[in-house]
Amino acid sequence: MLYIKTTQKLQELEEELKRRSLWSLEMPSAEAMADTSPFSCEAMSFESWVQFIFIPKMRALIVSRQVLPNNIAIAPMAHHVWNDVKERHILIMIFDDLDKFLSEPR
C-alpha cells in the first residue's frame, strides 16, 4: 500500500510541475547533480532537485522494493521556496501529504 500511495504522489508531483511549467527538458550539469548541499540548493532550483533527484530516487526504491525513507521533511523546503506563489500551493500540499504518510509508523 505504501508503494502504491507513494507512486501516486510522485505522479501528482510530476503532473503538477509540468502544469506549472516547472518541468525541465534539460538535465542539470554533472557538477550540479553531484552537489551535496541539502536539496542541491547551491547548484540547482528546488524544482530541479525534485525532478532530477527526488522523484527518480524514490521511483528506484519503489521498483526495487527497498525500504522507503521515513521521518522525511521535504515539505518545509517546499513551503520555504513556494509559499509566496499561490499557484504552487498544490505542490506544497503534495509534499505535506508525502511527509505525513512516509513518517507514519510502519
PDB file of N, CA and C in Angstrom:
ATOM      1  N   MET A   1       0.819  -1.203   0.000  1.00  0.00           N
ATOM      2  CA  MET A   1       0.000   0.000   0.000  1.00  0.00           C
ATOM      3  C   MET A   1       0.861   1.265   0.000  1.00  0.00           C
ATOM      4  N   LEU A   2       1.966   1.232   0.782  1.00  0.00           N
ATOM      5  CA  LEU A   2       2.849   2.394   0.863  1.00  0.00           C
ATOM      6  C   LEU A   2       3.478   2.698  -0.494  1.00  0.00           C
ATOM      7  N   TYR A   3       3.877   1.635  -1.210  1.00  0.00           N
ATOM      8  CA  TYR A   3       4.464   1.840  -2.535  1.00  0.00           C
ATOM      9  C   TYR A   3       3.447   2.459  -3.494  1.00  0.00           C
ATOM     10  N   ILE A   4       2.218   1.983  -3.437  1.00  0.00           N
ATOM     11  CA  ILE A   4       1.166   2.498  -4.324  1.00  0.00           C
ATOM     12  C   ILE A   4       0.884   3.963  -4.024  1.00  0.00           C
ATOM     13  N   LYS A   5       0.723   4.274  -2.754  1.00  0.00           N
ATOM     14  CA  LYS A   5       0.427   5.651  -2.352  1.00  0.00           C
ATOM     15  C   LYS A   5       1.575   6.593  -2.731  1.00  0.00           C
ATOM     16  N   THR A   6       2.804   6.149  -2.516  1.00  0.00           N
ATOM     17  CA  THR A   6       3.970   6.968  -2.857  1.00  0.00           C
ATOM     18  C   THR A   6       4.060   7.159  -4.365  1.00  0.00           C
ATOM     19  N   THR A   7       3.827   6.106  -5.122  1.00  0.00           N
ATOM     20  CA  THR A   7       3.841   6.204  -6.586  1.00  0.00           C
ATOM     21  C   THR A   7       2.811   7.215  -7.064  1.00  0.00           C
ATOM     22  N   GLN A   8       1.630   7.190  -6.473  1.00  0.00           N
ATOM     23  CA  GLN A   8       0.582   8.147  -6.847  1.00  0.00           C
ATOM     24  C   GLN A   8       1.011   9.581  -6.557  1.00  0.00           C
ATOM     25  N   LYS A   9       1.614   9.807  -5.404  1.00  0.00           N
ATOM     26  CA  LYS A   9       2.053  11.163  -5.041  1.00  0.00           C
ATOM     27  C   LYS A   9       3.190  11.630  -5.948  1.00  0.00           C
ATOM     28  N   LEU A  10       4.090  10.739  -6.308  1.00  0.00           N
ATOM     29  CA  LEU A  10       5.172  11.109  -7.226  1.00  0.00           C
ATOM     30  C   LEU A  10       4.603  11.493  -8.590  1.00  0.00           C
ATOM     31  N   GLN A  11       3.586  10.758  -9.037  1.00  0.00           N
ATOM     32  CA  GLN A  11       2.933  11.092 -10.303  1.00  0.00           C
ATOM     33  C   GLN A  11       2.238  12.445 -10.211  1.00  0.00           C
ATOM     34  N   GLU A  12       1.575  12.701  -9.089  1.00  0.00           N
ATOM     35  CA  GLU A  12       0.936  14.010  -8.884  1.00  0.00           C
ATOM     36  C   GLU A  12       1.973  15.130  -8.928  1.00  0.00           C
ATOM     37  N   LEU A  13       3.112  14.899  -8.289  1.00  0.00           N
ATOM     38  CA  LEU A  13       4.186  15.903  -8.307  1.00  0.00           C
ATOM     39  C   LEU A  13       4.624  16.196  -9.737  1.00  0.00           C
ATOM     40  N   GLU A  14       4.891  15.138 -10.492  1.00  0.00           N
ATOM     41  CA  GLU A  14       5.329  15.316 -11.875  1.00  0.00           C
ATOM     42  C   GLU A  14       4.285  16.082 -12.688  1.00  0.00           C
ATOM     43  N   GLU A  15       3.038  15.676 -12.577  1.00  0.00           N
ATOM     44  CA  GLU A  15       1.973  16.335 -13.343  1.00  0.00           C
ATOM     45  C   GLU A  15       1.836  17.809 -12.969  1.00  0.00           C
ATOM     46  N   GLU A  16       1.929  18.112 -11.681  1.00  0.00           N
ATOM     47  CA  GLU A  16       1.773  19.498 -11.238  1.00  0.00           C
ATOM     48  C   GLU A  16       2.981  20.342 -11.633  1.00  0.00           C
ATOM     49  N   LEU A  17       4.170  19.772 -11.569  1.00  0.00           N
ATOM     50  CA  LEU A  17       5.357  20.504 -12.036  1.00  0.00           C
ATOM     51  C   LEU A  17       5.215  20.840 -13.522  1.00  0.00           C
ATOM     52  N   LYS A  18       4.719  19.900 -14.294  1.00  0.00           N
ATOM     53  CA  LYS A  18       4.503  20.150 -15.726  1.00  0.00           C
ATOM     54  C   LYS A  18       3.416  21.199 -15.929  1.00  0.00           C
ATOM     55  N   ARG A  19       2.332  21.085 -15.184  1.00  0.00           N
ATOM     56  CA  ARG A  19       1.222  22.033 -15.299  1.00  0.00           C
ATOM     57  C   ARG A  19       1.686  23.458 -15.001  1.00  0.00           C
ATOM     58  N   ARG A  20       2.608  23.599 -14.084  1.00  0.00           N
ATOM     59  CA  ARG A  20       3.114  24.918 -13.673  1.00  0.00           C
ATOM     60  C   ARG A  20       4.355  25.341 -14.451  1.00  0.00           C
ATOM     61  N   SER A  21       4.673  24.611 -15.512  1.00  0.00           N
ATOM     62  CA  SER A  21       5.848  24.894 -16.359  1.00  0.00           C
ATOM     63  C   SER A  21       7.149  24.900 -15.560  1.00  0.00           C
ATOM     64  N   LEU A  22       7.225  24.013 -14.585  1.00  0.00           N
ATOM     65  CA  LEU A  22       8.433  23.883 -13.774  1.00  0.00           C
ATOM     66  C   LEU A  22       9.221  22.625 -14.123  1.00  0.00           C
ATOM     67  N   TRP A  23       8.729  21.868 -15.099  1.00  0.00           N
ATOM     68  CA  TRP A  23       9.376  20.628 -15.529  1.00  0.00           C
ATOM     69  C   TRP A  23      10.366  20.983 -16.628  1.00  0.00           C
ATOM     70  N   SER A  24      11.600  20.601 -16.438  1.00  0.00           N
ATOM     71  CA  SER A  24      12.652  20.967 -17.386  1.00  0.00           C
ATOM     72  C   SER A  24      12.919  19.842 -18.376  1.00  0.00           C
ATOM     73  N   LEU A  25      13.246  20.225 -19.594  1.00  0.00           N
ATOM     74  CA  LEU A  25      13.633  19.246 -20.604  1.00  0.00           C
ATOM     75  C   LEU A  25      15.136  19.010 -20.584  1.00  0.00           C
ATOM     76  N   GLU A  26      15.864  19.879 -19.882  1.00  0.00           N
ATOM     77  CA  GLU A  26      17.321  19.770 -19.810  1.00  0.00           C
ATOM     78  C   GLU A  26      17.757  19.345 -18.418  1.00  0.00           C
ATOM     79  N   MET A  27      18.579  18.324 -18.396  1.00  0.00           N
ATOM     80  CA  MET A  27      19.111  17.836 -17.132  1.00  0.00           C
ATOM     81  C   MET A  27      20.188  18.797 -16.627  1.00  0.00           C
ATOM     82  N   PRO A  28      20.273  18.984 -15.313  1.00  0.00           N
ATOM     83  CA  PRO A  28      21.349  19.819 -14.771  1.00  0.00           C
ATOM     84  C   PRO A  28      22.720  19.222 -15.112  1.00  0.00           C
ATOM     85  N   SER A  29      23.739  20.033 -15.015  1.00  0.00           N
ATOM     86  CA  SER A  29      25.102  19.581 -15.313  1.00  0.00           C
ATOM     87  C   SER A  29      25.521  18.470 -14.349  1.00  0.00           C
ATOM     88  N   ALA A  30      26.566  17.759 -14.725  1.00  0.00           N
ATOM     89  CA  ALA A  30      27.100  16.706 -13.859  1.00  0.00           C
ATOM     90  C   ALA A  30      27.533  17.289 -12.517  1.00  0.00           C
ATOM     91  N   GLU A  31      28.087  18.487 -12.555  1.00  0.00           N
ATOM     92  CA  GLU A  31      28.516  19.142 -11.318  1.00  0.00           C
ATOM     93  C   GLU A  31      27.310  19.433 -10.419  1.00  0.00           C
ATOM     94  N   ALA A  32      26.236  19.923 -11.014  1.00  0.00           N
ATOM     95  CA  ALA A  32      25.027  20.212 -10.241  1.00  0.00           C
ATOM     96  C   ALA A  32      24.448  18.926  -9.654  1.00  0.00           C
ATOM     97  N   MET A  33      24.447  17.865 -10.439  1.00  0.00           N
ATOM     98  CA  MET A  33      23.905  16.593  -9.962  1.00  0.00           C
ATOM     99  C   MET A  33      24.747  16.007  -8.825  1.00  0.00           C
ATOM    100  N   ALA A  34      26.010  16.375  -8.773  1.00  0.00           N
ATOM    101  CA  ALA A  34      26.906  15.867  -7.731  1.00  0.00           C
ATOM    102  C   ALA A  34      26.909  16.738  -6.473  1.00  0.00           C
ATOM    103  N   ASP A  35      26.193  17.844  -6.503  1.00  0.00           N
ATOM    104  CA  ASP A  35      26.172  18.765  -5.369  1.00  0.00           C
ATOM    105  C   ASP A  35      25.670  18.052  -4.117  1.00  0.00           C
ATOM    106  N   THR A  36      26.359  18.267  -3.012  1.00  0.00           N
ATOM    107  CA  THR A  36      25.996  17.582  -1.769  1.00  0.00           C
ATOM    108  C   THR A  36      25.277  18.483  -0.766  1.00  0.00           C
ATOM    109  N   SER A  37      25.019  19.715  -1.140  1.00  0.00           N
ATOM    110  CA  SER A  37      24.283  20.593  -0.228  1.00  0.00           C
ATOM    111  C   SER A  37      22.838  20.096  -0.120  1.00  0.00           C
ATOM    112  N   PRO A  38      22.163  20.397   0.998  1.00  0.00           N
ATOM    113  CA  PRO A  38      20.772  19.958   1.136  1.00  0.00           C
ATOM    114  C   PRO A  38      19.929  20.415  -0.060  1.00  0.00           C
ATOM    115  N   PHE A  39      19.187  19.479  -0.628  1.00  0.00           N
ATOM    116  CA  PHE A  39      18.343  19.740  -1.794  1.00  0.00           C
ATOM    117  C   PHE A  39      19.152  20.278  -2.976  1.00  0.00           C
ATOM    118  N   SER A  40      20.458  20.054  -2.967  1.00  0.00           N
ATOM    119  CA  SER A  40      21.357  20.560  -4.023  1.00  0.00           C
ATOM    120  C   SER A  40      21.144  22.046  -4.262  1.00  0.00           C
ATOM    121  N   CYS A  41      20.796  22.748  -3.195  1.00  0.00           N
ATOM    122  CA  CYS A  41      20.369  24.149  -3.321  1.00  0.00           C
ATOM    123  C   CYS A  41      21.460  25.095  -3.802  1.00  0.00           C
ATOM    124  N   GLU A  42      22.710  24.683  -3.724  1.00  0.00           N
ATOM    125  CA  GLU A  42      23.780  25.546  -4.205  1.00  0.00           C
ATOM    126  C   GLU A  42      24.002  25.399  -5.704  1.00  0.00           C
ATOM    127  N   ALA A  43      23.365  24.381  -6.308  1.00  0.00           N
ATOM    128  CA  ALA A  43      23.638  24.106  -7.715  1.00  0.00           C
ATOM    129  C   ALA A  43      22.409  24.098  -8.615  1.00  0.00           C
ATOM    130  N   MET A  44      21.220  23.965  -8.027  1.00  0.00           N
ATOM    131  CA  MET A  44      20.020  23.902  -8.869  1.00  0.00           C
ATOM    132  C   MET A  44      18.812  24.386  -8.080  1.00  0.00           C
ATOM    133  N   SER A  45      17.750  24.658  -8.800  1.00  0.00           N
ATOM    134  CA  SER A  45      16.499  25.081  -8.160  1.00  0.00           C
ATOM    135  C   SER A  45      15.869  23.891  -7.435  1.00  0.00           C
ATOM    136  N   PHE A  46      14.991  24.182  -6.499  1.00  0.00           N
ATOM    137  CA  PHE A  46      14.300  23.127  -5.766  1.00  0.00           C
ATOM    138  C   PHE A  46      13.501  22.240  -6.718  1.00  0.00           C
ATOM    139  N   GLU A  47      12.813  22.860  -7.686  1.00  0.00           N
ATOM    140  CA  GLU A  47      12.027  22.046  -8.620  1.00  0.00           C
ATOM    141  C   GLU A  47      12.911  21.128  -9.454  1.00  0.00           C
ATOM    142  N   SER A  48      14.132  21.565  -9.782  1.00  0.00           N
ATOM    143  CA  SER A  48      15.067  20.686 -10.495  1.00  0.00           C
ATOM    144  C   SER A  48      15.485  19.529  -9.601  1.00  0.00           C
ATOM    145  N   TRP A  49      15.727  19.816  -8.333  1.00  0.00           N
ATOM    146  CA  TRP A  49      16.077  18.754  -7.391  1.00  0.00           C
ATOM    147  C   TRP A  49      14.937  17.734  -7.304  1.00  0.00           C
ATOM    148  N   VAL A  50      13.710  18.224  -7.223  1.00  0.00           N
ATOM    149  CA  VAL A  50      12.549  17.325  -7.162  1.00  0.00           C
ATOM    150  C   VAL A  50      12.504  16.455  -8.415  1.00  0.00           C
ATOM    151  N   GLN A  51      12.663  17.077  -9.575  1.00  0.00           N
ATOM    152  CA  GLN A  51      12.545  16.359 -10.846  1.00  0.00           C
ATOM    153  C   GLN A  51      13.694  15.387 -11.099  1.00  0.00           C
ATOM    154  N   PHE A  52      14.909  15.823 -10.870  1.00  0.00           N
ATOM    155  CA  PHE A  52      16.064  15.035 -11.294  1.00  0.00           C
ATOM    156  C   PHE A  52      16.705  14.191 -10.195  1.00  0.00           C
ATOM    157  N   ILE A  53      16.388  14.471  -8.947  1.00  0.00           N
ATOM    158  CA  ILE A  53      16.985  13.697  -7.857  1.00  0.00           C
ATOM    159  C   ILE A  53      15.912  12.987  -7.031  1.00  0.00           C
ATOM    160  N   PHE A  54      14.980  13.731  -6.463  1.00  0.00           N
ATOM    161  CA  PHE A  54      13.997  13.132  -5.560  1.00  0.00           C
ATOM    162  C   PHE A  54      13.094  12.110  -6.255  1.00  0.00           C
ATOM    163  N   ILE A  55      12.408  12.518  -7.306  1.00  0.00           N
ATOM    164  CA  ILE A  55      11.466  11.601  -7.970  1.00  0.00           C
ATOM    165  C   ILE A  55      12.181  10.352  -8.492  1.00  0.00           C
ATOM    166  N   PRO A  56      13.301  10.480  -9.228  1.00  0.00           N
ATOM    167  CA  PRO A  56      13.966   9.256  -9.706  1.00  0.00           C
ATOM    168  C   PRO A  56      14.449   8.333  -8.582  1.00  0.00           C
ATOM    169  N   LYS A  57      14.991   8.908  -7.503  1.00  0.00           N
ATOM    170  CA  LYS A  57      15.462   8.060  -6.399  1.00  0.00           C
ATOM    171  C   LYS A  57      14.299   7.336  -5.734  1.00  0.00           C
ATOM    172  N   MET A  58      13.196   8.039  -5.529  1.00  0.00           N
ATOM    173  CA  MET A  58      12.035   7.402  -4.912  1.00  0.00           C
ATOM    174  C   MET A  58      11.465   6.312  -5.821  1.00  0.00           C
ATOM    175  N   ARG A  59      11.394   6.582  -7.101  1.00  0.00           N
ATOM    176  CA  ARG A  59      10.885   5.561  -8.034  1.00  0.00           C
ATOM    177  C   ARG A  59      11.801   4.345  -8.065  1.00  0.00           C
ATOM    178  N   ALA A  60      13.106   4.563  -7.997  1.00  0.00           N
ATOM    179  CA  ALA A  60      14.051   3.441  -7.979  1.00  0.00           C
ATOM    180  C   ALA A  60      13.854   2.589  -6.722  1.00  0.00           C
ATOM    181  N   LEU A  61      13.632   3.231  -5.592  1.00  0.00           N
ATOM    182  CA  LEU A  61      13.368   2.488  -4.355  1.00  0.00           C
ATOM    183  C   LEU A  61      12.097   1.657  -4.477  1.00  0.00           C
ATOM    184  N   ILE A  62      11.082   2.230  -5.088  1.00  0.00           N
ATOM    185  CA  ILE A  62       9.803   1.529  -5.248  1.00  0.00           C
ATOM    186  C   ILE A  62       9.956   0.331  -6.182  1.00  0.00           C
ATOM    187  N   VAL A  63      10.594   0.539  -7.326  1.00  0.00           N
ATOM    188  CA  VAL A  63      10.766  -0.538  -8.309  1.00  0.00           C
ATOM    189  C   VAL A  63      11.542  -1.705  -7.710  1.00  0.00           C
ATOM    190  N   SER A  64      12.566  -1.399  -6.926  1.00  0.00           N
ATOM    191  CA  SER A  64      13.390  -2.453  -6.331  1.00  0.00           C
ATOM    192  C   SER A  64      12.846  -2.937  -4.983  1.00  0.00           C
ATOM    193  N   ARG A  65      11.689  -2.412  -4.596  1.00  0.00           N
ATOM    194  CA  ARG A  65      11.014  -2.800  -3.348  1.00  0.00           C
ATOM    195  C   ARG A  65      11.922  -2.620  -2.121  1.00  0.00           C
ATOM    196  N   GLN A  66      12.699  -1.554  -2.150  1.00  0.00           N
ATOM    197  CA  GLN A  66      13.538  -1.227  -0.997  1.00  0.00           C
ATOM    198  C   GLN A  66      12.728  -0.419   0.008  1.00  0.00           C
ATOM    199  N   VAL A  67      13.266  -0.296   1.189  1.00  0.00           N
ATOM    200  CA  VAL A  67      12.596   0.456   2.246  1.00  0.00           C
ATOM    201  C   VAL A  67      12.558   1.934   1.862  1.00  0.00           C
ATOM    202  N   LEU A  68      11.377   2.523   1.959  1.00  0.00           N
ATOM    203  CA  LEU A  68      11.235   3.950   1.667  1.00  0.00           C
ATOM    204  C   LEU A  68      11.669   4.759   2.882  1.00  0.00           C
ATOM    205  N   PRO A  69      12.179   5.960   2.653  1.00  0.00           N
ATOM    206  CA  PRO A  69      12.616   6.776   3.788  1.00  0.00           C
ATOM    207  C   PRO A  69      11.448   7.101   4.711  1.00  0.00           C
ATOM    208  N   ASN A  70      11.766   7.248   5.985  1.00  0.00           N
ATOM    209  CA  ASN A  70      10.741   7.674   6.938  1.00  0.00           C
ATOM    210  C   ASN A  70      11.257   8.906   7.666  1.00  0.00           C
ATOM    211  N   ASN A  71      10.354   9.564   8.347  1.00  0.00           N
ATOM    212  CA  ASN A  71      10.698  10.821   9.018  1.00  0.00           C
ATOM    213  C   ASN A  71      11.320  11.827   8.053  1.00  0.00           C
ATOM    214  N   ILE A  72      10.787  11.883   6.851  1.00  0.00           N
ATOM    215  CA  ILE A  72      11.310  12.854   5.894  1.00  0.00           C
ATOM    216  C   ILE A  72      10.711  14.226   6.184  1.00  0.00           C
ATOM    217  N   ALA A  73      11.382  15.230   5.721  1.00  0.00           N
ATOM    218  CA  ALA A  73      10.913  16.604   5.947  1.00  0.00           C
ATOM    219  C   ALA A  73      11.238  17.456   4.726  1.00  0.00           C
ATOM    220  N   ILE A  74      10.571  17.139   3.635  1.00  0.00           N
ATOM    221  CA  ILE A  74      10.757  17.912   2.409  1.00  0.00           C
ATOM    222  C   ILE A  74       9.760  19.064   2.354  1.00  0.00           C
ATOM    223  N   ALA A  75       8.604  18.877   2.965  1.00  0.00           N
ATOM    224  CA  ALA A  75       7.569  19.917   2.939  1.00  0.00           C
ATOM    225  C   ALA A  75       8.059  21.270   3.455  1.00  0.00           C
ATOM    226  N   PRO A  76       8.861  21.325   4.518  1.00  0.00           N
ATOM    227  CA  PRO A  76       9.329  22.649   4.958  1.00  0.00           C
ATOM    228  C   PRO A  76      10.105  23.398   3.871  1.00  0.00           C
ATOM    229  N   MET A  77      10.882  22.677   3.079  1.00  0.00           N
ATOM    230  CA  MET A  77      11.600  23.333   1.980  1.00  0.00           C
ATOM    231  C   MET A  77      10.614  23.789   0.909  1.00  0.00           C
ATOM    232  N   ALA A  78       9.615  22.973   0.614  1.00  0.00           N
ATOM    233  CA  ALA A  78       8.595  23.366  -0.363  1.00  0.00           C
ATOM    234  C   ALA A  78       7.871  24.622   0.106  1.00  0.00           C
ATOM    235  N   HIS A  79       7.542  24.676   1.387  1.00  0.00           N
ATOM    236  CA  HIS A  79       6.907  25.882   1.944  1.00  0.00           C
ATOM    237  C   HIS A  79       7.832  27.086   1.788  1.00  0.00           C
ATOM    238  N   HIS A  80       9.100  26.900   2.112  1.00  0.00           N
ATOM    239  CA  HIS A  80      10.076  27.994   2.038  1.00  0.00           C
ATOM    240  C   HIS A  80      10.204  28.537   0.612  1.00  0.00           C
ATOM    241  N   VAL A  81      10.271  27.634  -0.346  1.00  0.00           N
ATOM    242  CA  VAL A  81      10.516  28.032  -1.738  1.00  0.00           C
ATOM    243  C   VAL A  81       9.255  28.540  -2.427  1.00  0.00           C
ATOM    244  N   TRP A  82       8.113  27.902  -2.182  1.00  0.00           N
ATOM    245  CA  TRP A  82       6.921  28.168  -2.978  1.00  0.00           C
ATOM    246  C   TRP A  82       5.788  28.872  -2.239  1.00  0.00           C
ATOM    247  N   ASN A  83       5.927  29.137  -0.965  1.00  0.00           N
ATOM    248  CA  ASN A  83       4.807  29.665  -0.192  1.00  0.00           C
ATOM    249  C   ASN A  83       4.265  30.991  -0.721  1.00  0.00           C
ATOM    250  N   ASP A  84       5.105  31.828  -1.285  1.00  0.00           N
ATOM    251  CA  ASP A  84       4.667  33.137  -1.778  1.00  0.00           C
ATOM    252  C   ASP A  84       4.004  33.079  -3.153  1.00  0.00           C
ATOM    253  N   VAL A  85       3.968  31.889  -3.753  1.00  0.00           N
ATOM    254  CA  VAL A  85       3.388  31.737  -5.088  1.00  0.00           C
ATOM    255  C   VAL A  85       2.150  30.848  -4.970  1.00  0.00           C
ATOM    256  N   LYS A  86       0.990  31.483  -4.937  1.00  0.00           N
ATOM    257  CA  LYS A  86      -0.269  30.766  -4.694  1.00  0.00           C
ATOM    258  C   LYS A  86      -0.462  29.580  -5.638  1.00  0.00           C
ATOM    259  N   GLU A  87      -0.072  29.733  -6.897  1.00  0.00           N
ATOM    260  CA  GLU A  87      -0.260  28.673  -7.888  1.00  0.00           C
ATOM    261  C   GLU A  87       0.550  27.418  -7.559  1.00  0.00           C
ATOM    262  N   ARG A  88       1.508  27.533  -6.673  1.00  0.00           N
ATOM    263  CA  ARG A  88       2.352  26.381  -6.329  1.00  0.00           C
ATOM    264  C   ARG A  88       1.955  25.736  -5.006  1.00  0.00           C
ATOM    265  N   HIS A  89       0.876  26.196  -4.416  1.00  0.00           N
ATOM    266  CA  HIS A  89       0.446  25.635  -3.134  1.00  0.00           C
ATOM    267  C   HIS A  89       0.015  24.177  -3.258  1.00  0.00           C
ATOM    268  N   ILE A  90      -0.432  23.764  -4.429  1.00  0.00           N
ATOM    269  CA  ILE A  90      -0.773  22.347  -4.626  1.00  0.00           C
ATOM    270  C   ILE A  90       0.481  21.494  -4.466  1.00  0.00           C
ATOM    271  N   LEU A  91       1.603  21.976  -4.981  1.00  0.00           N
ATOM    272  CA  LEU A  91       2.865  21.252  -4.812  1.00  0.00           C
ATOM    273  C   LEU A  91       3.217  21.123  -3.332  1.00  0.00           C
ATOM    274  N   ILE A  92       3.019  22.191  -2.598  1.00  0.00           N
ATOM    275  CA  ILE A  92       3.289  22.166  -1.156  1.00  0.00           C
ATOM    276  C   ILE A  92       2.403  21.126  -0.478  1.00  0.00           C
ATOM    277  N   MET A  93       1.132  21.081  -0.841  1.00  0.00           N
ATOM    278  CA  MET A  93       0.207  20.113  -0.235  1.00  0.00           C
ATOM    279  C   MET A  93       0.620  18.675  -0.546  1.00  0.00           C
ATOM    280  N   ILE A  94       1.120  18.441  -1.751  1.00  0.00           N
ATOM    281  CA  ILE A  94       1.581  17.094  -2.104  1.00  0.00           C
ATOM    282  C   ILE A  94       2.742  16.697  -1.196  1.00  0.00           C
ATOM    283  N   PHE A  95       3.677  17.618  -0.979  1.00  0.00           N
ATOM    284  CA  PHE A  95       4.796  17.312  -0.083  1.00  0.00           C
ATOM    285  C   PHE A  95       4.341  17.170   1.367  1.00  0.00           C
ATOM    286  N   ASP A  96       3.362  17.961   1.787  1.00  0.00           N
ATOM    287  CA  ASP A  96       2.798  17.788   3.133  1.00  0.00           C
ATOM    288  C   ASP A  96       2.272  16.361   3.296  1.00  0.00           C
ATOM    289  N   ASP A  97       1.535  15.884   2.288  1.00  0.00           N
ATOM    290  CA  ASP A  97       0.988  14.523   2.324  1.00  0.00           C
ATOM    291  C   ASP A  97       2.100  13.478   2.354  1.00  0.00           C
ATOM    292  N   LEU A  98       3.092  13.639   1.471  1.00  0.00           N
ATOM    293  CA  LEU A  98       4.209  12.693   1.421  1.00  0.00           C
ATOM    294  C   LEU A  98       4.930  12.623   2.762  1.00  0.00           C
ATOM    295  N   ASP A  99       5.280  13.775   3.296  1.00  0.00           N
ATOM    296  CA  ASP A  99       5.971  13.807   4.588  1.00  0.00           C
ATOM    297  C   ASP A  99       5.150  13.096   5.655  1.00  0.00           C
ATOM    298  N   LYS A 100       3.859  13.373   5.667  1.00  0.00           N
ATOM    299  CA  LYS A 100       2.988  12.811   6.702  1.00  0.00           C
ATOM    300  C   LYS A 100       2.913  11.291   6.611  1.00  0.00           C
ATOM    301  N   PHE A 101       2.572  10.753   5.443  1.00  0.00           N
ATOM    302  CA  PHE A 101       2.368   9.307   5.409  1.00  0.00           C
ATOM    303  C   PHE A 101       3.671   8.513   5.373  1.00  0.00           C
ATOM    304  N   LEU A 102       4.758   9.104   4.876  1.00  0.00           N
ATOM    305  CA  LEU A 102       6.030   8.384   4.942  1.00  0.00           C
ATOM    306  C   LEU A 102       6.606   8.395   6.356  1.00  0.00           C
ATOM    307  N   SER A 103       6.182   9.332   7.170  1.00  0.00           N
ATOM    308  CA  SER A 103       6.682   9.421   8.546  1.00  0.00           C
ATOM    309  C   SER A 103       5.825   8.648   9.547  1.00  0.00           C
ATOM    310  N   GLU A 104       4.706   8.090   9.088  1.00  0.00           N
ATOM    311  CA  GLU A 104       3.847   7.308   9.983  1.00  0.00           C
ATOM    312  C   GLU A 104       4.546   6.004  10.369  1.00  0.00           C
ATOM    313  N   PRO A 105       4.254   5.499  11.568  1.00  0.00           N
ATOM    314  CA  PRO A 105       4.839   4.210  11.986  1.00  0.00           C
ATOM    315  C   PRO A 105       4.453   3.107  11.003  1.00  0.00           C
ATOM    316  N   ARG A 106       5.393   2.234  10.750  1.00  0.00           N
ATOM    317  CA  ARG A 106       5.144   1.121   9.807  1.00  0.00           C
ATOM    318  C   ARG A 106       5.175  -0.203  10.523  1.00  0.00           C
TER     319      ARG A 106
END
